[in-house]
Amino acid sequence: MPTTAIERVLRRFYHIDRSMRQQAQAVSGVRDLTLLQAQALFYIKAKGSVILRELAEELRISPASCSLLVDRLVDIEWVERSRDDDDRRVTHLKLTEEAKNELAEIMRCKMEKFSTALADLSPDDLATLDRILTHIESHLVTTNPS
């Protein structure tokens, strides 16, 4: 049982994350989508098109591991691969229309769920929450994984 304030906060983050992933799976109908696969999808969505090596670097995994991760996304028809016309060693990745629609629906549902969860907070409380989460995020993003 969590006993310190930090343990309680970590536990709450875990429960929020788990709830959001379950909601995304329920909306998309895709089971067993890993966190890395979800990160890959949202990164490709943000960029429009990426090369495999860039995605591997973003996810901090090897190109071989990234290729296996992308295989699953290709299998469920959420990502399309294409070879570069000038360099056949380069693989371009982009989302399928189905993936774009599914991700839009997942984001809509997440926004709805968060809006409901945060509806009772005052503007000052929301600003405080945003400030605290920004602080945590900036520290975690700039900290090298060990």
Protein backbone atom coordinates (compact mmCIF):
# COMPACT_ATOMS: atom_id res chain seq x y z
CA MET A 1 0.00 0.00 0.00
CA PRO A 2 1.48 3.39 -0.98
CA THR A 3 2.51 5.28 2.13
CA THR A 4 4.32 8.42 1.02
CA ALA A 5 2.84 11.29 -0.95
CA ILE A 6 5.11 10.48 -3.91
CA GLU A 7 3.98 6.84 -3.88
CA ARG A 8 0.34 7.95 -3.83
CA VAL A 9 0.94 10.34 -6.75
CA LEU A 10 2.73 7.63 -8.75
CA ARG A 11 -0.15 5.26 -8.07
CA ARG A 12 -2.65 7.86 -9.29
CA PHE A 13 -0.62 8.42 -12.47
CA TYR A 14 -0.63 4.65 -13.01
CA HIS A 15 -4.42 4.45 -12.59
CA ILE A 16 -5.03 7.42 -14.90
CA ASP A 17 -2.72 5.96 -17.56
CA ARG A 18 -4.31 2.53 -17.29
CA SER A 19 -7.81 3.97 -17.56
CA MET A 20 -6.89 6.03 -20.62
CA ARG A 21 -5.25 3.03 -22.35
CA GLN A 22 -8.30 0.85 -21.62
CA GLN A 23 -10.55 3.54 -23.06
CA ALA A 24 -8.38 3.80 -26.18
CA GLN A 25 -8.50 0.03 -26.65
CA ALA A 26 -12.28 -0.02 -26.18
CA VAL A 27 -12.75 2.77 -28.72
CA SER A 28 -10.35 1.37 -31.31
CA GLY A 29 -11.25 -2.26 -30.89
CA VAL A 30 -7.55 -3.07 -31.08
CA ARG A 31 -6.44 -5.17 -28.16
CA ASP A 32 -2.90 -5.48 -26.90
CA LEU A 33 -1.67 -2.29 -28.50
CA THR A 34 1.53 -1.61 -26.59
CA LEU A 35 2.52 1.75 -25.22
CA LEU A 36 5.38 1.94 -27.74
CA GLN A 37 3.00 1.14 -30.61
CA ALA A 38 0.66 3.89 -29.43
CA GLN A 39 3.59 6.31 -29.16
CA ALA A 40 4.66 5.34 -32.67
CA LEU A 41 1.19 5.98 -34.05
CA PHE A 42 0.90 9.41 -32.47
CA TYR A 43 4.43 10.35 -33.57
CA ILE A 44 3.70 9.34 -37.17
CA LYS A 45 0.40 11.23 -36.97
CA ALA A 46 2.19 14.37 -35.78
CA LYS A 47 4.85 14.15 -38.51
CA GLY A 48 2.63 12.93 -41.35
CA SER A 49 5.35 10.64 -42.65
CA VAL A 50 8.56 9.40 -41.05
CA ILE A 51 11.38 7.09 -41.90
CA LEU A 52 11.87 3.98 -39.83
CA ARG A 53 15.25 5.12 -38.46
CA GLU A 54 13.74 8.42 -37.23
CA LEU A 55 10.91 6.57 -35.48
CA ALA A 56 13.39 4.20 -33.84
CA GLU A 57 15.39 7.17 -32.56
CA GLU A 58 12.25 8.87 -31.24
CA LEU A 59 11.16 5.70 -29.41
CA ARG A 60 14.74 5.03 -28.26
CA ILE A 61 14.80 1.51 -29.66
CA SER A 62 16.92 -0.21 -32.28
CA PRO A 63 15.85 -0.06 -35.94
CA ALA A 64 15.35 -3.85 -35.85
CA SER A 65 13.03 -3.60 -32.84
CA CYS A 66 11.23 -0.71 -34.46
CA SER A 67 10.72 -2.75 -37.61
CA LEU A 68 9.08 -5.51 -35.55
CA LEU A 69 6.88 -2.94 -33.81
CA VAL A 70 5.84 -1.49 -37.17
CA ASP A 71 5.10 -5.01 -38.50
CA ARG A 72 2.22 -5.28 -36.02
CA LEU A 73 0.88 -1.88 -37.05
CA VAL A 74 1.09 -2.88 -40.71
CA ASP A 75 -0.67 -6.18 -39.92
CA ILE A 76 -3.64 -4.33 -38.40
CA GLU A 77 -3.60 -1.96 -41.38
CA TRP A 78 -2.85 1.19 -39.39
CA VAL A 79 0.55 1.93 -40.96
CA GLU A 80 1.74 1.73 -44.56
CA ARG A 81 5.36 1.18 -45.51
CA SER A 82 6.96 2.37 -48.69
CA ARG A 83 10.53 2.30 -49.97
CA ASP A 84 12.38 5.45 -50.89
CA ASP A 85 12.73 5.81 -54.67
CA ASP A 86 16.33 6.98 -54.37
CA ASP A 87 17.53 4.74 -51.55
CA ARG A 88 15.82 1.35 -51.23
CA ARG A 89 17.30 0.92 -47.73
CA VAL A 90 15.10 3.75 -46.44
CA THR A 91 11.58 2.83 -45.34
CA HIS A 92 8.91 5.54 -45.13
CA LEU A 93 5.97 5.12 -42.77
CA LYS A 94 2.60 6.81 -42.82
CA LEU A 95 -0.77 6.22 -41.23
CA THR A 96 -3.63 4.67 -43.14
CA GLU A 97 -6.94 6.51 -43.34
CA GLU A 98 -8.38 3.94 -40.93
CA ALA A 99 -5.65 4.74 -38.39
CA LYS A 100 -6.20 8.48 -38.78
CA ASN A 101 -9.92 8.03 -38.14
CA GLU A 102 -9.32 5.71 -35.17
CA LEU A 103 -6.77 8.05 -33.59
CA ALA A 104 -9.12 11.00 -34.04
CA GLU A 105 -11.87 9.03 -32.28
CA ILE A 106 -9.50 7.97 -29.49
CA MET A 107 -8.47 11.60 -28.96
CA ARG A 108 -12.09 12.74 -29.00
CA CYS A 109 -12.96 10.19 -26.32
CA LYS A 110 -9.91 11.08 -24.23
CA MET A 111 -10.79 14.78 -24.42
CA GLU A 112 -14.36 14.00 -23.41
CA LYS A 113 -13.22 11.86 -20.48
CA PHE A 114 -10.68 14.44 -19.28
CA SER A 115 -13.14 17.30 -19.73
CA THR A 116 -15.64 15.46 -17.55
CA ALA A 117 -13.01 14.61 -14.96
CA LEU A 118 -11.76 18.21 -14.79
CA ALA A 119 -15.11 19.98 -15.13
CA ASP A 120 -15.45 20.66 -11.40
CA LEU A 121 -12.03 22.31 -11.08
CA SER A 122 -11.83 26.06 -10.92
CA PRO A 123 -9.74 27.94 -13.49
CA ASP A 124 -7.13 28.51 -10.75
CA ASP A 125 -7.02 24.79 -9.93
CA LEU A 126 -6.65 23.93 -13.62
CA ALA A 127 -3.82 26.43 -13.95
CA THR A 128 -2.12 24.93 -10.89
CA LEU A 129 -2.54 21.41 -12.23
CA ASP A 130 -1.12 22.48 -15.58
CA ARG A 131 1.85 24.14 -13.89
CA ILE A 132 2.58 21.07 -11.76
CA LEU A 133 2.26 18.63 -14.67
CA THR A 134 4.45 20.86 -16.84
CA HIS A 135 7.10 20.84 -14.11
CA ILE A 136 6.97 17.05 -13.81
CA GLU A 137 7.03 16.58 -17.59
CA SER A 138 9.98 18.92 -18.09
CA HIS A 139 11.98 17.11 -15.43
CA LEU A 140 11.16 13.64 -16.76
CA VAL A 141 11.73 14.54 -20.41
CA THR A 142 15.13 16.11 -19.73
CA THR A 143 16.27 13.31 -17.42
CA ASN A 144 18.25 10.61 -19.20
CA PRO A 145 16.85 7.12 -18.66
CA SER A 146 19.09 4.95 -16.51
